Amino acid sequence: MAPKVTATTISLDAQTHEDTHVHAVYDQIASHFSSTRYKPWPIIDTFISSLPTGSIGLDSGTGNGKYLPLPLDPVKSVMTIGMDRSRNLLLIAQNAGGKERSREVVWGDVLGGCWRRGAFDYAISIATIHHLATPERRRAAVERLLESVTPHGGRVLIYVWAIEQDVLSKRSIPGEEEAQVQETAGRDVFVPWVLSKPTAKGSPQLDGEAESPQVFNRYYHMFEAGELRGLVVQAAERMGLSVGEEVAGGEKEGVEIVQDGWERSNYFVELRRWKRVNGI
């Protein structure tokens, strides 16, 4: 039986909550976590494969770096720089796809302004923003992504966990009757990660002597329908960007929501920055 996902409330300040229930957890489970995360999700693979050769991008919250080697097509080459708060995951991400090539990775925070604005052609944020503990911090993370890509056609892809789970999901999300009353949309939950302790070779265990596995509770904000799209609109408005398709004439700057939807228990949104100066 899969460990039960439980509802939670943010009793500490947001940064302390994330340090305790996200960053510290991933540093401890990094190796085991990485061993279960190796297959790229189809829409992300398609997105990166559609980028022009020579594009340079950011994987914000790269984890073990499984998207850094994409695309696998040797004819089409793009370069993705991985950023994460977990040093232990970054050590793994450095050799994503094989030790014959070292990947570019940077230790950093998704809320930090460590990049020159418009530095990248594209950015992805996969299963990361849902670890931020307040709506304001999640919106700020979207702003950092929009700022990081060029306003002249820069592309962004964001994925977060959804309340709505498919039939193959092992997650059981608490319903309204189980959850605490919240002022925000979605659900704030703890998702357990069970880390079994390996037995040393040549050291047989007697019945009843096996060590209990460690259980680490990771914080997630599970998104509801329309919530991720709403964050994008809020972030764009705070940046002074129009939301919608590129318009002709005048000096305008905006972001187009190319697609958004639900896929295998996750919500996603694809964005494109655009800018017109003097009608050009």
C-alpha atoms as a PDB file:
ATOM      1  CA  MET A   1       0.000   0.000   0.000  1.00  0.00           C
ATOM      2  CA  ALA A   2       1.321   3.454  -0.920  1.00  0.00           C
ATOM      3  CA  PRO A   3       1.917   5.837   2.006  1.00  0.00           C
ATOM      4  CA  LYS A   4      -1.001   8.182   2.586  1.00  0.00           C
ATOM      5  CA  VAL A   5      -0.877  11.777   1.413  1.00  0.00           C
ATOM      6  CA  THR A   6      -2.019  13.992   4.282  1.00  0.00           C
ATOM      7  CA  ALA A   7      -3.365  17.533   4.423  1.00  0.00           C
ATOM      8  CA  THR A   8      -1.232  20.158   6.137  1.00  0.00           C
ATOM      9  CA  THR A   9      -1.167  23.844   6.979  1.00  0.00           C
ATOM     10  CA  ILE A  10       1.778  26.252   6.799  1.00  0.00           C
ATOM     11  CA  SER A  11       2.502  26.833  10.490  1.00  0.00           C
ATOM     12  CA  LEU A  12       6.059  28.175   9.998  1.00  0.00           C
ATOM     13  CA  ASP A  13       7.146  31.063   7.806  1.00  0.00           C
ATOM     14  CA  ALA A  14       7.257  29.997   4.167  1.00  0.00           C
ATOM     15  CA  GLN A  15      11.049  29.879   3.796  1.00  0.00           C
ATOM     16  CA  THR A  16      11.521  27.809   6.973  1.00  0.00           C
ATOM     17  CA  HIS A  17       8.708  25.474   5.910  1.00  0.00           C
ATOM     18  CA  GLU A  18      10.352  24.891   2.527  1.00  0.00           C
ATOM     19  CA  ASP A  19      13.825  24.491   4.050  1.00  0.00           C
ATOM     20  CA  THR A  20      12.493  21.800   6.402  1.00  0.00           C
ATOM     21  CA  HIS A  21       9.977  19.955   4.230  1.00  0.00           C
ATOM     22  CA  VAL A  22      11.485  20.372   0.742  1.00  0.00           C
ATOM     23  CA  HIS A  23      15.191  21.267   0.566  1.00  0.00           C
ATOM     24  CA  ALA A  24      16.420  19.162   3.514  1.00  0.00           C
ATOM     25  CA  VAL A  25      14.330  16.196   2.354  1.00  0.00           C
ATOM     26  CA  TYR A  26      15.657  16.163  -1.213  1.00  0.00           C
ATOM     27  CA  ASP A  27      19.255  16.365  -0.036  1.00  0.00           C
ATOM     28  CA  GLN A  28      18.665  13.247   2.076  1.00  0.00           C
ATOM     29  CA  ILE A  29      16.775  11.189  -0.514  1.00  0.00           C
ATOM     30  CA  ALA A  30      18.667  12.430  -3.605  1.00  0.00           C
ATOM     31  CA  SER A  31      20.177   9.112  -4.714  1.00  0.00           C
ATOM     32  CA  HIS A  32      17.034   7.043  -4.144  1.00  0.00           C
ATOM     33  CA  PHE A  33      14.836   9.754  -5.726  1.00  0.00           C
ATOM     34  CA  SER A  34      17.066   9.933  -8.804  1.00  0.00           C
ATOM     35  CA  SER A  35      16.869   6.174  -9.335  1.00  0.00           C
ATOM     36  CA  THR A  36      13.094   6.519  -9.836  1.00  0.00           C
ATOM     37  CA  ARG A  37      13.210   9.555 -12.140  1.00  0.00           C
ATOM     38  CA  TYR A  38      14.683   8.666 -15.518  1.00  0.00           C
ATOM     39  CA  LYS A  39      11.939   8.776 -18.195  1.00  0.00           C
ATOM     40  CA  PRO A  40      11.131  12.194 -19.752  1.00  0.00           C
ATOM     41  CA  TRP A  41       7.439  13.135 -19.859  1.00  0.00           C
ATOM     42  CA  PRO A  42       6.144  13.236 -23.487  1.00  0.00           C
ATOM     43  CA  ILE A  43       5.034  16.896 -23.695  1.00  0.00           C
ATOM     44  CA  ILE A  44       8.360  18.084 -22.257  1.00  0.00           C
ATOM     45  CA  ASP A  45      10.296  15.914 -24.717  1.00  0.00           C
ATOM     46  CA  THR A  46       8.205  17.323 -27.578  1.00  0.00           C
ATOM     47  CA  PHE A  47       8.704  20.896 -26.354  1.00  0.00           C
ATOM     48  CA  ILE A  48      12.499  20.634 -26.185  1.00  0.00           C
ATOM     49  CA  SER A  49      12.680  18.756 -29.492  1.00  0.00           C
ATOM     50  CA  SER A  50      10.762  21.608 -31.171  1.00  0.00           C
ATOM     51  CA  LEU A  51      13.379  24.230 -30.213  1.00  0.00           C
ATOM     52  CA  PRO A  52      15.660  25.625 -32.938  1.00  0.00           C
ATOM     53  CA  THR A  53      19.189  24.223 -33.029  1.00  0.00           C
ATOM     54  CA  GLY A  54      21.543  26.394 -31.016  1.00  0.00           C
ATOM     55  CA  SER A  55      18.937  27.438 -28.431  1.00  0.00           C
ATOM     56  CA  ILE A  56      20.142  27.968 -24.863  1.00  0.00           C
ATOM     57  CA  GLY A  57      17.753  27.379 -21.982  1.00  0.00           C
ATOM     58  CA  LEU A  58      17.209  26.997 -18.262  1.00  0.00           C
ATOM     59  CA  ASP A  59      15.825  24.030 -16.314  1.00  0.00           C
ATOM     60  CA  SER A  60      14.720  25.762 -13.100  1.00  0.00           C
ATOM     61  CA  GLY A  61      14.532  23.077 -10.418  1.00  0.00           C
ATOM     62  CA  THR A  62      16.368  20.503 -12.511  1.00  0.00           C
ATOM     63  CA  GLY A  63      16.519  17.776  -9.835  1.00  0.00           C
ATOM     64  CA  ASN A  64      18.610  14.891 -11.178  1.00  0.00           C
ATOM     65  CA  GLY A  65      18.861  16.602 -14.571  1.00  0.00           C
ATOM     66  CA  LYS A  66      16.887  14.057 -16.592  1.00  0.00           C
ATOM     67  CA  TYR A  67      15.870  16.749 -19.118  1.00  0.00           C
ATOM     68  CA  LEU A  68      19.376  18.150 -19.621  1.00  0.00           C
ATOM     69  CA  PRO A  69      20.391  15.588 -22.326  1.00  0.00           C
ATOM     70  CA  LEU A  70      17.332  16.336 -24.498  1.00  0.00           C
ATOM     71  CA  PRO A  71      16.784  16.295 -27.385  1.00  0.00           C
ATOM     72  CA  LEU A  72      18.276  12.883 -28.090  1.00  0.00           C
ATOM     73  CA  ASP A  73      18.376  13.608 -31.840  1.00  0.00           C
ATOM     74  CA  PRO A  74      22.121  14.107 -32.560  1.00  0.00           C
ATOM     75  CA  VAL A  75      21.342  16.407 -35.503  1.00  0.00           C
ATOM     76  CA  LYS A  76      19.463  18.926 -33.391  1.00  0.00           C
ATOM     77  CA  SER A  77      21.511  20.446 -30.577  1.00  0.00           C
ATOM     78  CA  VAL A  78      20.318  22.745 -27.784  1.00  0.00           C
ATOM     79  CA  MET A  79      21.945  23.491 -24.443  1.00  0.00           C
ATOM     80  CA  THR A  80      20.009  23.440 -21.176  1.00  0.00           C
ATOM     81  CA  ILE A  81      21.573  24.728 -17.942  1.00  0.00           C
ATOM     82  CA  GLY A  82      20.205  23.073 -14.806  1.00  0.00           C
ATOM     83  CA  MET A  83      19.565  24.931 -11.551  1.00  0.00           C
ATOM     84  CA  ASP A  84      18.511  23.458  -8.215  1.00  0.00           C
ATOM     85  CA  ARG A  85      18.650  24.088  -4.453  1.00  0.00           C
ATOM     86  CA  SER A  86      19.764  20.520  -3.688  1.00  0.00           C
ATOM     87  CA  ARG A  87      23.526  20.147  -3.980  1.00  0.00           C
ATOM     88  CA  ASN A  88      23.212  16.361  -3.793  1.00  0.00           C
ATOM     89  CA  LEU A  89      20.825  16.274  -6.748  1.00  0.00           C
ATOM     90  CA  LEU A  90      23.098  18.619  -8.704  1.00  0.00           C
ATOM     91  CA  LEU A  91      26.002  16.209  -8.218  1.00  0.00           C
ATOM     92  CA  ILE A  92      23.871  13.614  -9.994  1.00  0.00           C
ATOM     93  CA  ALA A  93      22.625  16.076 -12.629  1.00  0.00           C
ATOM     94  CA  GLN A  94      26.206  16.868 -13.655  1.00  0.00           C
ATOM     95  CA  ASN A  95      26.395  13.468 -15.338  1.00  0.00           C
ATOM     96  CA  ALA A  96      22.810  13.196 -16.578  1.00  0.00           C
ATOM     97  CA  GLY A  97      22.707  10.951 -19.623  1.00  0.00           C
ATOM     98  CA  GLY A  98      26.100   9.368 -18.958  1.00  0.00           C
ATOM     99  CA  LYS A  99      29.472  10.212 -17.462  1.00  0.00           C
ATOM    100  CA  GLU A 100      31.044  10.751 -20.878  1.00  0.00           C
ATOM    101  CA  ARG A 101      29.692  14.304 -20.827  1.00  0.00           C
ATOM    102  CA  SER A 102      29.498  16.821 -17.981  1.00  0.00           C
ATOM    103  CA  ARG A 103      26.353  18.963 -17.850  1.00  0.00           C
ATOM    104  CA  GLU A 104      26.212  22.633 -16.928  1.00  0.00           C
ATOM    105  CA  VAL A 105      24.513  22.986 -13.522  1.00  0.00           C
ATOM    106  CA  VAL A 106      24.198  25.872 -11.079  1.00  0.00           C
ATOM    107  CA  TRP A 107      23.294  25.921  -7.408  1.00  0.00           C
ATOM    108  CA  GLY A 108      20.509  28.458  -6.985  1.00  0.00           C
ATOM    109  CA  ASP A 109      16.953  29.296  -5.973  1.00  0.00           C
ATOM    110  CA  VAL A 110      13.951  29.507  -8.298  1.00  0.00           C
ATOM    111  CA  LEU A 111      13.016  32.797  -6.606  1.00  0.00           C
ATOM    112  CA  GLY A 112      16.477  34.302  -7.031  1.00  0.00           C
ATOM    113  CA  GLY A 113      17.309  36.864  -9.676  1.00  0.00           C
ATOM    114  CA  CYS A 114      20.627  35.295 -10.603  1.00  0.00           C
ATOM    115  CA  TRP A 115      20.163  35.585 -14.371  1.00  0.00           C
ATOM    116  CA  ARG A 116      20.382  38.598 -16.665  1.00  0.00           C
ATOM    117  CA  ARG A 117      16.888  39.352 -17.926  1.00  0.00           C
ATOM    118  CA  GLY A 118      16.260  37.723 -21.286  1.00  0.00           C
ATOM    119  CA  ALA A 119      19.380  35.564 -21.008  1.00  0.00           C
ATOM    120  CA  PHE A 120      17.703  32.382 -22.317  1.00  0.00           C
ATOM    121  CA  ASP A 121      15.796  31.303 -25.397  1.00  0.00           C
ATOM    122  CA  TYR A 122      13.607  28.996 -23.306  1.00  0.00           C
ATOM    123  CA  ALA A 123      12.993  27.852 -19.741  1.00  0.00           C
ATOM    124  CA  ILE A 124      11.313  24.832 -18.195  1.00  0.00           C
ATOM    125  CA  SER A 125      10.093  24.330 -14.644  1.00  0.00           C
ATOM    126  CA  ILE A 126       9.025  20.744 -14.085  1.00  0.00           C
ATOM    127  CA  ALA A 127       7.483  19.662 -10.754  1.00  0.00           C
ATOM    128  CA  THR A 128       9.080  22.535  -8.851  1.00  0.00           C
ATOM    129  CA  ILE A 129       6.724  25.482  -8.279  1.00  0.00           C
ATOM    130  CA  HIS A 130       4.337  23.254  -6.319  1.00  0.00           C
ATOM    131  CA  HIS A 131       7.002  23.066  -3.562  1.00  0.00           C
ATOM    132  CA  LEU A 132       6.639  26.801  -2.813  1.00  0.00           C
ATOM    133  CA  ALA A 133       4.491  27.448   0.248  1.00  0.00           C
ATOM    134  CA  THR A 134       2.443  30.558  -0.610  1.00  0.00           C
ATOM    135  CA  PRO A 135       0.556  31.891  -3.644  1.00  0.00           C
ATOM    136  CA  GLU A 136       2.860  34.930  -3.686  1.00  0.00           C
ATOM    137  CA  ARG A 137       6.007  32.804  -3.881  1.00  0.00           C
ATOM    138  CA  ARG A 138       4.514  30.606  -6.605  1.00  0.00           C
ATOM    139  CA  ARG A 139       3.566  33.687  -8.618  1.00  0.00           C
ATOM    140  CA  ALA A 140       7.046  35.161  -8.106  1.00  0.00           C
ATOM    141  CA  ALA A 141       8.572  31.946  -9.467  1.00  0.00           C
ATOM    142  CA  VAL A 142       6.520  32.366 -12.651  1.00  0.00           C
ATOM    143  CA  GLU A 143       7.764  35.967 -12.906  1.00  0.00           C
ATOM    144  CA  ARG A 144      11.395  34.811 -12.640  1.00  0.00           C
ATOM    145  CA  LEU A 145      10.801  32.344 -15.495  1.00  0.00           C
ATOM    146  CA  LEU A 146       9.213  34.982 -17.725  1.00  0.00           C
ATOM    147  CA  GLU A 147      12.056  37.383 -16.929  1.00  0.00           C
ATOM    148  CA  SER A 148      14.710  34.797 -17.722  1.00  0.00           C
ATOM    149  CA  VAL A 149      13.732  34.338 -21.387  1.00  0.00           C
ATOM    150  CA  THR A 150      14.092  36.776 -24.261  1.00  0.00           C
ATOM    151  CA  PRO A 151      11.003  38.945 -24.858  1.00  0.00           C
ATOM    152  CA  HIS A 152      11.462  38.252 -28.577  1.00  0.00           C
ATOM    153  CA  GLY A 153       9.888  34.806 -28.757  1.00  0.00           C
ATOM    154  CA  GLY A 154      11.243  33.283 -25.534  1.00  0.00           C
ATOM    155  CA  ARG A 155       9.391  30.102 -24.571  1.00  0.00           C
ATOM    156  CA  VAL A 156       8.461  28.723 -21.141  1.00  0.00           C
ATOM    157  CA  LEU A 157       6.992  25.362 -20.056  1.00  0.00           C
ATOM    158  CA  ILE A 158       5.732  24.794 -16.492  1.00  0.00           C
ATOM    159  CA  TYR A 159       4.460  21.586 -14.880  1.00  0.00           C
ATOM    160  CA  VAL A 160       2.874  21.151 -11.417  1.00  0.00           C
ATOM    161  CA  TRP A 161       1.061  18.348  -9.621  1.00  0.00           C
ATOM    162  CA  ALA A 162      -2.742  18.411  -9.872  1.00  0.00           C
ATOM    163  CA  ILE A 163      -5.459  17.595  -7.374  1.00  0.00           C
ATOM    164  CA  GLU A 164      -7.100  15.564 -10.127  1.00  0.00           C
ATOM    165  CA  GLN A 165      -5.239  12.253 -10.282  1.00  0.00           C
ATOM    166  CA  ASP A 166      -5.567   9.603 -12.975  1.00  0.00           C
ATOM    167  CA  VAL A 167      -6.373   5.953 -12.396  1.00  0.00           C
ATOM    168  CA  LEU A 168      -2.690   4.932 -12.481  1.00  0.00           C
ATOM    169  CA  SER A 169      -1.651   7.408  -9.794  1.00  0.00           C
ATOM    170  CA  LYS A 170      -0.534   6.134  -6.392  1.00  0.00           C
ATOM    171  CA  ARG A 171      -1.328   9.480  -4.765  1.00  0.00           C
ATOM    172  CA  SER A 172      -4.540   9.769  -2.760  1.00  0.00           C
ATOM    173  CA  ILE A 173      -5.260  13.470  -2.350  1.00  0.00           C
ATOM    174  CA  PRO A 174      -7.290  14.509   0.729  1.00  0.00           C
ATOM    175  CA  GLY A 175     -10.755  15.803  -0.062  1.00  0.00           C
ATOM    176  CA  GLU A 176     -12.472  18.895   1.338  1.00  0.00           C
ATOM    177  CA  GLU A 177     -13.659  16.990   4.393  1.00  0.00           C
ATOM    178  CA  GLU A 178     -10.078  15.980   5.287  1.00  0.00           C
ATOM    179  CA  ALA A 179      -8.260  19.182   4.414  1.00  0.00           C
ATOM    180  CA  GLN A 180      -7.852  22.137   6.713  1.00  0.00           C
ATOM    181  CA  VAL A 181      -9.795  25.274   5.805  1.00  0.00           C
ATOM    182  CA  GLN A 182      -7.519  27.236   3.461  1.00  0.00           C
ATOM    183  CA  GLU A 183      -7.652  30.752   2.046  1.00  0.00           C
ATOM    184  CA  THR A 184      -5.889  29.606  -1.122  1.00  0.00           C
ATOM    185  CA  ALA A 185      -6.948  27.425  -4.010  1.00  0.00           C
ATOM    186  CA  GLY A 186      -5.682  23.855  -4.325  1.00  0.00           C
ATOM    187  CA  ARG A 187      -4.476  21.659  -1.445  1.00  0.00           C
ATOM    188  CA  ASP A 188      -1.431  21.924   0.814  1.00  0.00           C
ATOM    189  CA  VAL A 189      -0.264  18.371   1.565  1.00  0.00           C
ATOM    190  CA  PHE A 190       2.603  16.221   2.774  1.00  0.00           C
ATOM    191  CA  VAL A 191       3.607  13.453   0.357  1.00  0.00           C
ATOM    192  CA  PRO A 192       5.670  10.719   2.080  1.00  0.00           C
ATOM    193  CA  TRP A 193       8.889   9.357   0.620  1.00  0.00           C
ATOM    194  CA  VAL A 194       9.812   5.973   2.099  1.00  0.00           C
ATOM    195  CA  LEU A 195      13.560   5.403   2.199  1.00  0.00           C
ATOM    196  CA  SER A 196      14.435   1.789   3.021  1.00  0.00           C
ATOM    197  CA  LYS A 197      17.758   1.161   4.707  1.00  0.00           C
ATOM    198  CA  PRO A 198      19.815  -1.391   2.751  1.00  0.00           C
ATOM    199  CA  THR A 199      21.153  -4.443   4.559  1.00  0.00           C
ATOM    200  CA  ALA A 200      24.934  -4.818   4.521  1.00  0.00           C
ATOM    201  CA  LYS A 201      26.106  -7.781   2.423  1.00  0.00           C
ATOM    202  CA  GLY A 202      26.948 -10.807   4.505  1.00  0.00           C
ATOM    203  CA  SER A 203      24.899  -9.574   7.465  1.00  0.00           C
ATOM    204  CA  PRO A 204      21.796 -11.777   7.676  1.00  0.00           C
ATOM    205  CA  GLN A 205      18.922 -10.358   9.738  1.00  0.00           C
ATOM    206  CA  LEU A 206      16.849 -12.384  12.126  1.00  0.00           C
ATOM    207  CA  ASP A 207      13.074 -12.171  12.084  1.00  0.00           C
ATOM    208  CA  GLY A 208      11.930  -8.922  13.647  1.00  0.00           C
ATOM    209  CA  GLU A 209      15.374  -7.309  13.443  1.00  0.00           C
ATOM    210  CA  ALA A 210      14.928  -5.436  10.163  1.00  0.00           C
ATOM    211  CA  GLU A 211      15.321  -1.695  10.526  1.00  0.00           C
ATOM    212  CA  SER A 212      12.223   0.378   9.915  1.00  0.00           C
ATOM    213  CA  PRO A 213      12.392   2.505   6.769  1.00  0.00           C
ATOM    214  CA  GLN A 214      12.728   6.265   7.125  1.00  0.00           C
ATOM    215  CA  VAL A 215       9.740   8.298   6.019  1.00  0.00           C
ATOM    216  CA  PHE A 216      10.289  11.868   4.818  1.00  0.00           C
ATOM    217  CA  ASN A 217       7.315  14.158   4.354  1.00  0.00           C
ATOM    218  CA  ARG A 218       7.700  16.409   1.312  1.00  0.00           C
ATOM    219  CA  TYR A 219       5.527  19.521   1.086  1.00  0.00           C
ATOM    220  CA  TYR A 220       3.430  20.014  -2.060  1.00  0.00           C
ATOM    221  CA  HIS A 221       0.776  22.469  -3.102  1.00  0.00           C
ATOM    222  CA  MET A 222      -1.555  20.435  -5.314  1.00  0.00           C
ATOM    223  CA  PHE A 223      -3.026  22.701  -7.991  1.00  0.00           C
ATOM    224  CA  GLU A 224      -6.681  22.865  -8.938  1.00  0.00           C
ATOM    225  CA  ALA A 225      -8.132  23.514 -12.384  1.00  0.00           C
ATOM    226  CA  GLY A 226      -7.338  27.017 -13.662  1.00  0.00           C
ATOM    227  CA  GLU A 227      -4.940  27.858 -10.824  1.00  0.00           C
ATOM    228  CA  LEU A 228      -1.710  27.614 -12.830  1.00  0.00           C
ATOM    229  CA  ARG A 229      -3.147  29.707 -15.663  1.00  0.00           C
ATOM    230  CA  GLY A 230      -4.262  32.253 -13.074  1.00  0.00           C
ATOM    231  CA  LEU A 231      -0.714  32.491 -11.711  1.00  0.00           C
ATOM    232  CA  VAL A 232       0.587  33.225 -15.201  1.00  0.00           C
ATOM    233  CA  VAL A 233      -1.946  36.032 -15.677  1.00  0.00           C
ATOM    234  CA  GLN A 234      -1.087  37.546 -12.277  1.00  0.00           C
ATOM    235  CA  ALA A 235       2.654  37.332 -12.971  1.00  0.00           C
ATOM    236  CA  ALA A 236       2.260  38.931 -16.398  1.00  0.00           C
ATOM    237  CA  GLU A 237       0.156  41.773 -15.022  1.00  0.00           C
ATOM    238  CA  ARG A 238       2.725  42.530 -12.316  1.00  0.00           C
ATOM    239  CA  MET A 239       5.394  42.682 -15.040  1.00  0.00           C
ATOM    240  CA  GLY A 240       3.292  45.037 -17.170  1.00  0.00           C
ATOM    241  CA  LEU A 241       2.804  42.422 -19.900  1.00  0.00           C
ATOM    242  CA  SER A 242      -0.286  41.946 -22.036  1.00  0.00           C
ATOM    243  CA  VAL A 243      -1.761  38.441 -21.936  1.00  0.00           C
ATOM    244  CA  GLY A 244      -2.738  37.077 -25.316  1.00  0.00           C
ATOM    245  CA  GLU A 245      -1.527  36.729 -28.877  1.00  0.00           C
ATOM    246  CA  GLU A 246       0.889  39.244 -30.348  1.00  0.00           C
ATOM    247  CA  VAL A 247      -0.847  42.384 -31.564  1.00  0.00           C
ATOM    248  CA  ALA A 248       0.117  44.611 -34.486  1.00  0.00           C
ATOM    249  CA  GLY A 249       1.183  48.224 -34.144  1.00  0.00           C
ATOM    250  CA  GLY A 250       2.548  50.334 -31.315  1.00  0.00           C
ATOM    251  CA  GLU A 251       5.054  49.523 -28.592  1.00  0.00           C
ATOM    252  CA  LYS A 252       3.689  46.504 -26.810  1.00  0.00           C
ATOM    253  CA  GLU A 253       5.059  43.574 -24.859  1.00  0.00           C
ATOM    254  CA  GLY A 254       3.234  40.484 -23.762  1.00  0.00           C
ATOM    255  CA  VAL A 255       2.987  36.762 -23.166  1.00  0.00           C
ATOM    256  CA  GLU A 256       0.884  34.286 -25.099  1.00  0.00           C
ATOM    257  CA  ILE A 257      -0.520  31.168 -23.457  1.00  0.00           C
ATOM    258  CA  VAL A 258       0.222  28.716 -26.268  1.00  0.00           C
ATOM    259  CA  GLN A 259      -1.397  25.752 -24.547  1.00  0.00           C
ATOM    260  CA  ASP A 260      -2.411  24.628 -21.087  1.00  0.00           C
ATOM    261  CA  GLY A 261      -3.989  21.494 -19.806  1.00  0.00           C
ATOM    262  CA  TRP A 262      -3.837  18.369 -17.670  1.00  0.00           C
ATOM    263  CA  GLU A 263      -1.630  15.356 -18.375  1.00  0.00           C
ATOM    264  CA  ARG A 264      -1.168  12.266 -16.202  1.00  0.00           C
ATOM    265  CA  SER A 265      -2.021  13.936 -12.869  1.00  0.00           C
ATOM    266  CA  ASN A 266      -0.218  17.195 -13.696  1.00  0.00           C
ATOM    267  CA  TYR A 267      -1.235  20.638 -14.934  1.00  0.00           C
ATOM    268  CA  PHE A 268       1.000  22.295 -17.508  1.00  0.00           C
ATOM    269  CA  VAL A 269       1.201  25.590 -19.365  1.00  0.00           C
ATOM    270  CA  GLU A 270       3.334  26.610 -22.360  1.00  0.00           C
ATOM    271  CA  LEU A 271       4.076  30.323 -22.816  1.00  0.00           C
ATOM    272  CA  ARG A 272       5.673  32.528 -25.452  1.00  0.00           C
ATOM    273  CA  ARG A 273       7.027  36.037 -24.825  1.00  0.00           C
ATOM    274  CA  TRP A 274       6.591  38.653 -27.541  1.00  0.00           C
ATOM    275  CA  LYS A 275       7.607  42.269 -28.003  1.00  0.00           C
ATOM    276  CA  ARG A 276       6.897  44.877 -30.668  1.00  0.00           C
ATOM    277  CA  VAL A 277       8.759  48.168 -30.915  1.00  0.00           C
ATOM    278  CA  ASN A 278       7.338  50.842 -33.233  1.00  0.00           C
ATOM    279  CA  GLY A 279       5.200  48.261 -34.970  1.00  0.00           C
ATOM    280  CA  ILE A 280       8.122  45.933 -35.747  1.00  0.00           C
END
